[in-house]
Amino acid sequence: YVEISPELAAINGLPADYGAFVQEVVPRGPADRAGIRAGDIVTAIGDRRIWADTSFTEALFGSRPGETVG
């Protein structure tokens, strides 16, 4: 994934100023089984929003392995 910033979003015409742009998904891996696809933009993990002060990794650490989040 690539962390999205307002500058990156503006340059690439992305619809979100913050988040994680998914570049690749491992076939049959957890993300694939959850329906995440290359090109998706993840803006939150559960109720933890990815924002200027919360990276994708920080949001992810709030979940347990195997936990289903919406």
PDB file of N, CA and C in Angstrom:
ATOM      1  N   TYR A   1       0.834  -1.167   0.000  1.00  0.00           N
ATOM      2  CA  TYR A   1       0.000   0.000   0.000  1.00  0.00           C
ATOM      3  C   TYR A   1       0.882   1.234   0.000  1.00  0.00           C
ATOM      4  N   VAL A   2       0.277   2.353  -0.360  1.00  0.00           N
ATOM      5  CA  VAL A   2       0.940   3.656  -0.306  1.00  0.00           C
ATOM      6  C   VAL A   2       0.074   4.557   0.563  1.00  0.00           C
ATOM      7  N   GLU A   3       0.696   5.190   1.550  1.00  0.00           N
ATOM      8  CA  GLU A   3      -0.047   6.157   2.381  1.00  0.00           C
ATOM      9  C   GLU A   3      -0.437   7.351   1.503  1.00  0.00           C
ATOM     10  N   ILE A   4      -1.694   7.737   1.574  1.00  0.00           N
ATOM     11  CA  ILE A   4      -2.188   8.876   0.805  1.00  0.00           C
ATOM     12  C   ILE A   4      -2.065  10.135   1.650  1.00  0.00           C
ATOM     13  N   SER A   5      -1.550  11.174   1.032  1.00  0.00           N
ATOM     14  CA  SER A   5      -1.487  12.496   1.647  1.00  0.00           C
ATOM     15  C   SER A   5      -2.285  13.443   0.754  1.00  0.00           C
ATOM     16  N   PRO A   6      -2.633  14.618   1.245  1.00  0.00           N
ATOM     17  CA  PRO A   6      -3.356  15.558   0.388  1.00  0.00           C
ATOM     18  C   PRO A   6      -2.589  15.877  -0.904  1.00  0.00           C
ATOM     19  N   GLU A   7      -1.272  15.962  -0.818  1.00  0.00           N
ATOM     20  CA  GLU A   7      -0.471  16.265  -2.012  1.00  0.00           C
ATOM     21  C   GLU A   7      -0.542  15.123  -3.023  1.00  0.00           C
ATOM     22  N   LEU A   8      -0.383  13.885  -2.549  1.00  0.00           N
ATOM     23  CA  LEU A   8      -0.457  12.723  -3.427  1.00  0.00           C
ATOM     24  C   LEU A   8      -1.845  12.600  -4.043  1.00  0.00           C
ATOM     25  N   ALA A   9      -2.870  12.857  -3.250  1.00  0.00           N
ATOM     26  CA  ALA A   9      -4.247  12.787  -3.750  1.00  0.00           C
ATOM     27  C   ALA A   9      -4.475  13.809  -4.857  1.00  0.00           C
ATOM     28  N   ALA A  10      -3.973  15.026  -4.665  1.00  0.00           N
ATOM     29  CA  ALA A  10      -4.157  16.078  -5.667  1.00  0.00           C
ATOM     30  C   ALA A  10      -3.425  15.743  -6.971  1.00  0.00           C
ATOM     31  N   ILE A  11      -2.213  15.260  -6.849  1.00  0.00           N
ATOM     32  CA  ILE A  11      -1.415  14.935  -8.037  1.00  0.00           C
ATOM     33  C   ILE A  11      -2.052  13.801  -8.844  1.00  0.00           C
ATOM     34  N   ASN A  12      -2.612  12.825  -8.152  1.00  0.00           N
ATOM     35  CA  ASN A  12      -3.149  11.638  -8.815  1.00  0.00           C
ATOM     36  C   ASN A  12      -4.665  11.629  -8.965  1.00  0.00           C
ATOM     37  N   GLY A  13      -5.330  12.700  -8.566  1.00  0.00           N
ATOM     38  CA  GLY A  13      -6.785  12.773  -8.697  1.00  0.00           C
ATOM     39  C   GLY A  13      -7.516  11.742  -7.865  1.00  0.00           C
ATOM     40  N   LEU A  14      -6.998  11.447  -6.676  1.00  0.00           N
ATOM     41  CA  LEU A  14      -7.642  10.458  -5.808  1.00  0.00           C
ATOM     42  C   LEU A  14      -8.808  11.079  -5.050  1.00  0.00           C
ATOM     43  N   PRO A  15      -9.825  10.294  -4.727  1.00  0.00           N
ATOM     44  CA  PRO A  15     -11.012  10.843  -4.062  1.00  0.00           C
ATOM     45  C   PRO A  15     -10.883  10.992  -2.542  1.00  0.00           C
ATOM     46  N   ALA A  16      -9.715  10.687  -1.969  1.00  0.00           N
ATOM     47  CA  ALA A  16      -9.524  10.802  -0.517  1.00  0.00           C
ATOM     48  C   ALA A  16      -8.185  11.466  -0.239  1.00  0.00           C
ATOM     49  N   ASP A  17      -8.161  12.364   0.741  1.00  0.00           N
ATOM     50  CA  ASP A  17      -6.919  13.053   1.105  1.00  0.00           C
ATOM     51  C   ASP A  17      -6.019  12.212   2.000  1.00  0.00           C
ATOM     52  N   TYR A  18      -6.596  11.263   2.726  1.00  0.00           N
ATOM     53  CA  TYR A  18      -5.835  10.397   3.616  1.00  0.00           C
ATOM     54  C   TYR A  18      -6.338   8.982   3.471  1.00  0.00           C
ATOM     55  N   GLY A  19      -5.464   8.019   3.697  1.00  0.00           N
ATOM     56  CA  GLY A  19      -5.833   6.617   3.624  1.00  0.00           C
ATOM     57  C   GLY A  19      -4.670   5.805   3.125  1.00  0.00           C
ATOM     58  N   ALA A  20      -4.980   4.578   2.722  1.00  0.00           N
ATOM     59  CA  ALA A  20      -3.979   3.667   2.183  1.00  0.00           C
ATOM     60  C   ALA A  20      -4.456   3.206   0.812  1.00  0.00           C
ATOM     61  N   PHE A  21      -3.676   3.496  -0.223  1.00  0.00           N
ATOM     62  CA  PHE A  21      -3.983   3.070  -1.581  1.00  0.00           C
ATOM     63  C   PHE A  21      -3.404   1.671  -1.756  1.00  0.00           C
ATOM     64  N   VAL A  22      -4.264   0.698  -2.007  1.00  0.00           N
ATOM     65  CA  VAL A  22      -3.841  -0.696  -2.122  1.00  0.00           C
ATOM     66  C   VAL A  22      -3.240  -0.923  -3.510  1.00  0.00           C
ATOM     67  N   GLN A  23      -1.967  -1.309  -3.527  1.00  0.00           N
ATOM     68  CA  GLN A  23      -1.292  -1.563  -4.798  1.00  0.00           C
ATOM     69  C   GLN A  23      -1.371  -3.022  -5.219  1.00  0.00           C
ATOM     70  N   GLU A  24      -1.330  -3.912  -4.252  1.00  0.00           N
ATOM     71  CA  GLU A  24      -1.315  -5.336  -4.556  1.00  0.00           C
ATOM     72  C   GLU A  24      -1.969  -6.110  -3.418  1.00  0.00           C
ATOM     73  N   VAL A  25      -2.646  -7.189  -3.758  1.00  0.00           N
ATOM     74  CA  VAL A  25      -3.281  -8.053  -2.764  1.00  0.00           C
ATOM     75  C   VAL A  25      -2.785  -9.474  -3.003  1.00  0.00           C
ATOM     76  N   VAL A  26      -2.351 -10.135  -1.945  1.00  0.00           N
ATOM     77  CA  VAL A  26      -1.865 -11.512  -2.044  1.00  0.00           C
ATOM     78  C   VAL A  26      -3.052 -12.435  -2.314  1.00  0.00           C
ATOM     79  N   PRO A  27      -2.984 -13.205  -3.411  1.00  0.00           N
ATOM     80  CA  PRO A  27      -4.088 -14.133  -3.704  1.00  0.00           C
ATOM     81  C   PRO A  27      -4.348 -15.080  -2.533  1.00  0.00           C
ATOM     82  N   ARG A  28      -5.623 -15.217  -2.188  1.00  0.00           N
ATOM     83  CA  ARG A  28      -6.101 -16.089  -1.109  1.00  0.00           C
ATOM     84  C   ARG A  28      -5.603 -15.667   0.276  1.00  0.00           C
ATOM     85  N   GLY A  29      -5.009 -14.486   0.387  1.00  0.00           N
ATOM     86  CA  GLY A  29      -4.586 -13.967   1.677  1.00  0.00           C
ATOM     87  C   GLY A  29      -5.757 -13.330   2.402  1.00  0.00           C
ATOM     88  N   PRO A  30      -5.541 -12.856   3.621  1.00  0.00           N
ATOM     89  CA  PRO A  30      -6.632 -12.266   4.406  1.00  0.00           C
ATOM     90  C   PRO A  30      -7.323 -11.092   3.704  1.00  0.00           C
ATOM     91  N   ALA A  31      -6.558 -10.204   3.088  1.00  0.00           N
ATOM     92  CA  ALA A  31      -7.172  -9.056   2.405  1.00  0.00           C
ATOM     93  C   ALA A  31      -8.011  -9.520   1.221  1.00  0.00           C
ATOM     94  N   ASP A  32      -7.500 -10.476   0.456  1.00  0.00           N
ATOM     95  CA  ASP A  32      -8.234 -11.024  -0.684  1.00  0.00           C
ATOM     96  C   ASP A  32      -9.542 -11.663  -0.210  1.00  0.00           C
ATOM     97  N   ARG A  33      -9.453 -12.450   0.862  1.00  0.00           N
ATOM     98  CA  ARG A  33     -10.664 -13.101   1.390  1.00  0.00           C
ATOM     99  C   ARG A  33     -11.669 -12.085   1.923  1.00  0.00           C
ATOM    100  N   ALA A  34     -11.174 -10.923   2.349  1.00  0.00           N
ATOM    101  CA  ALA A  34     -12.068  -9.876   2.854  1.00  0.00           C
ATOM    102  C   ALA A  34     -12.649  -9.028   1.724  1.00  0.00           C
ATOM    103  N   GLY A  35     -12.204  -9.273   0.488  1.00  0.00           N
ATOM    104  CA  GLY A  35     -12.757  -8.542  -0.646  1.00  0.00           C
ATOM    105  C   GLY A  35     -11.986  -7.289  -1.021  1.00  0.00           C
ATOM    106  N   ILE A  36     -10.819  -7.084  -0.437  1.00  0.00           N
ATOM    107  CA  ILE A  36      -9.994  -5.920  -0.786  1.00  0.00           C
ATOM    108  C   ILE A  36      -9.301  -6.215  -2.104  1.00  0.00           C
ATOM    109  N   ARG A  37      -9.270  -5.225  -2.987  1.00  0.00           N
ATOM    110  CA  ARG A  37      -8.690  -5.383  -4.316  1.00  0.00           C
ATOM    111  C   ARG A  37      -7.661  -4.291  -4.572  1.00  0.00           C
ATOM    112  N   ALA A  38      -6.713  -4.583  -5.466  1.00  0.00           N
ATOM    113  CA  ALA A  38      -5.750  -3.567  -5.891  1.00  0.00           C
ATOM    114  C   ALA A  38      -6.530  -2.372  -6.449  1.00  0.00           C
ATOM    115  N   GLY A  39      -6.125  -1.180  -6.052  1.00  0.00           N
ATOM    116  CA  GLY A  39      -6.817   0.038  -6.472  1.00  0.00           C
ATOM    117  C   GLY A  39      -7.786   0.571  -5.431  1.00  0.00           C
ATOM    118  N   ASP A  40      -8.123  -0.246  -4.439  1.00  0.00           N
ATOM    119  CA  ASP A  40      -9.002   0.215  -3.358  1.00  0.00           C
ATOM    120  C   ASP A  40      -8.276   1.253  -2.509  1.00  0.00           C
ATOM    121  N   ILE A  41      -9.045   2.095  -1.861  1.00  0.00           N
ATOM    122  CA  ILE A  41      -8.514   3.050  -0.899  1.00  0.00           C
ATOM    123  C   ILE A  41      -9.159   2.750   0.448  1.00  0.00           C
ATOM    124  N   VAL A  42      -8.325   2.408   1.425  1.00  0.00           N
ATOM    125  CA  VAL A  42      -8.796   2.116   2.780  1.00  0.00           C
ATOM    126  C   VAL A  42      -8.708   3.415   3.574  1.00  0.00           C
ATOM    127  N   THR A  43      -9.824   3.902   4.081  1.00  0.00           N
ATOM    128  CA  THR A  43      -9.845   5.163   4.826  1.00  0.00           C
ATOM    129  C   THR A  43     -10.079   4.955   6.319  1.00  0.00           C
ATOM    130  N   ALA A  44     -10.427   3.739   6.711  1.00  0.00           N
ATOM    131  CA  ALA A  44     -10.636   3.431   8.130  1.00  0.00           C
ATOM    132  C   ALA A  44     -10.520   1.933   8.326  1.00  0.00           C
ATOM    133  N   ILE A  45     -10.170   1.552   9.540  1.00  0.00           N
ATOM    134  CA  ILE A  45     -10.172   0.152   9.938  1.00  0.00           C
ATOM    135  C   ILE A  45     -11.069   0.086  11.165  1.00  0.00           C
ATOM    136  N   GLY A  46     -12.234  -0.498  10.985  1.00  0.00           N
ATOM    137  CA  GLY A  46     -13.234  -0.458  12.045  1.00  0.00           C
ATOM    138  C   GLY A  46     -13.636   0.987  12.279  1.00  0.00           C
ATOM    139  N   ASP A  47     -13.559   1.429  13.522  1.00  0.00           N
ATOM    140  CA  ASP A  47     -13.916   2.817  13.825  1.00  0.00           C
ATOM    141  C   ASP A  47     -12.685   3.723  13.899  1.00  0.00           C
ATOM    142  N   ARG A  48     -11.505   3.202  13.505  1.00  0.00           N
ATOM    143  CA  ARG A  48     -10.265   3.984  13.527  1.00  0.00           C
ATOM    144  C   ARG A  48      -9.996   4.566  12.145  1.00  0.00           C
ATOM    145  N   ARG A  49     -10.197   5.844  12.012  1.00  0.00           N
ATOM    146  CA  ARG A  49     -10.023   6.546  10.741  1.00  0.00           C
ATOM    147  C   ARG A  49      -8.543   6.786  10.456  1.00  0.00           C
ATOM    148  N   ILE A  50      -8.129   6.586   9.211  1.00  0.00           N
ATOM    149  CA  ILE A  50      -6.777   6.897   8.786  1.00  0.00           C
ATOM    150  C   ILE A  50      -6.769   8.374   8.423  1.00  0.00           C
ATOM    151  N   TRP A  51      -5.919   9.129   9.095  1.00  0.00           N
ATOM    152  CA  TRP A  51      -5.958  10.577   8.979  1.00  0.00           C
ATOM    153  C   TRP A  51      -4.552  11.121   9.132  1.00  0.00           C
ATOM    154  N   ALA A  52      -4.405  12.424   9.194  1.00  0.00           N
ATOM    155  CA  ALA A  52      -3.096  13.065   9.279  1.00  0.00           C
ATOM    156  C   ALA A  52      -2.290  12.565  10.475  1.00  0.00           C
ATOM    157  N   ASP A  53      -2.955  12.314  11.587  1.00  0.00           N
ATOM    158  CA  ASP A  53      -2.239  11.893  12.792  1.00  0.00           C
ATOM    159  C   ASP A  53      -2.398  10.401  13.111  1.00  0.00           C
ATOM    160  N   THR A  54      -3.035   9.639  12.208  1.00  0.00           N
ATOM    161  CA  THR A  54      -3.198   8.194  12.402  1.00  0.00           C
ATOM    162  C   THR A  54      -2.906   7.490  11.080  1.00  0.00           C
ATOM    163  N   SER A  55      -1.764   6.802  11.019  1.00  0.00           N
ATOM    164  CA  SER A  55      -1.388   6.094   9.798  1.00  0.00           C
ATOM    165  C   SER A  55      -2.178   4.789   9.671  1.00  0.00           C
ATOM    166  N   PHE A  56      -2.091   4.176   8.512  1.00  0.00           N
ATOM    167  CA  PHE A  56      -2.715   2.869   8.281  1.00  0.00           C
ATOM    168  C   PHE A  56      -2.210   1.863   9.310  1.00  0.00           C
ATOM    169  N   THR A  57      -0.899   1.847   9.528  1.00  0.00           N
ATOM    170  CA  THR A  57      -0.306   0.903  10.477  1.00  0.00           C
ATOM    171  C   THR A  57      -0.826   1.138  11.887  1.00  0.00           C
ATOM    172  N   GLU A  58      -0.922   2.393  12.303  1.00  0.00           N
ATOM    173  CA  GLU A  58      -1.441   2.696  13.643  1.00  0.00           C
ATOM    174  C   GLU A  58      -2.893   2.247  13.773  1.00  0.00           C
ATOM    175  N   ALA A  59      -3.696   2.487  12.751  1.00  0.00           N
ATOM    176  CA  ALA A  59      -5.091   2.055  12.778  1.00  0.00           C
ATOM    177  C   ALA A  59      -5.183   0.529  12.820  1.00  0.00           C
ATOM    178  N   LEU A  60      -4.306  -0.133  12.086  1.00  0.00           N
ATOM    179  CA  LEU A  60      -4.304  -1.591  12.033  1.00  0.00           C
ATOM    180  C   LEU A  60      -3.934  -2.209  13.373  1.00  0.00           C
ATOM    181  N   PHE A  61      -2.998  -1.592  14.102  1.00  0.00           N
ATOM    182  CA  PHE A  61      -2.568  -2.130  15.393  1.00  0.00           C
ATOM    183  C   PHE A  61      -3.687  -2.140  16.426  1.00  0.00           C
ATOM    184  N   GLY A  62      -4.780  -1.453  16.173  1.00  0.00           N
ATOM    185  CA  GLY A  62      -5.908  -1.478  17.091  1.00  0.00           C
ATOM    186  C   GLY A  62      -6.772  -2.718  16.932  1.00  0.00           C
ATOM    187  N   SER A  63      -6.417  -3.591  15.982  1.00  0.00           N
ATOM    188  CA  SER A  63      -7.195  -4.816  15.743  1.00  0.00           C
ATOM    189  C   SER A  63      -6.353  -6.037  16.081  1.00  0.00           C
ATOM    190  N   ARG A  64      -7.041  -7.117  16.431  1.00  0.00           N
ATOM    191  CA  ARG A  64      -6.370  -8.380  16.707  1.00  0.00           C
ATOM    192  C   ARG A  64      -6.281  -9.211  15.429  1.00  0.00           C
ATOM    193  N   PRO A  65      -5.253 -10.053  15.268  1.00  0.00           N
ATOM    194  CA  PRO A  65      -5.186 -10.950  14.110  1.00  0.00           C
ATOM    195  C   PRO A  65      -6.447 -11.794  14.011  1.00  0.00           C
ATOM    196  N   GLY A  66      -7.003 -11.857  12.816  1.00  0.00           N
ATOM    197  CA  GLY A  66      -8.202 -12.653  12.588  1.00  0.00           C
ATOM    198  C   GLY A  66      -9.505 -11.947  12.904  1.00  0.00           C
ATOM    199  N   GLU A  67      -9.429 -10.763  13.523  1.00  0.00           N
ATOM    200  CA  GLU A  67     -10.632 -10.007  13.889  1.00  0.00           C
ATOM    201  C   GLU A  67     -11.289  -9.450  12.629  1.00  0.00           C
ATOM    202  N   THR A  68     -12.595  -9.519  12.552  1.00  0.00           N
ATOM    203  CA  THR A  68     -13.338  -8.918  11.441  1.00  0.00           C
ATOM    204  C   THR A  68     -13.695  -7.495  11.836  1.00  0.00           C
ATOM    205  N   VAL A  69     -13.321  -6.547  10.978  1.00  0.00           N
ATOM    206  CA  VAL A  69     -13.642  -5.136  11.220  1.00  0.00           C
ATOM    207  C   VAL A  69     -14.409  -4.598  10.032  1.00  0.00           C
ATOM    208  N   GLY A  70     -15.254  -3.616  10.271  1.00  0.00           N
ATOM    209  CA  GLY A  70     -16.072  -3.067   9.194  1.00  0.00           C
ATOM    210  C   GLY A  70     -15.536  -1.790   8.671  1.00  0.00           C
TER     211      GLY A  70
END
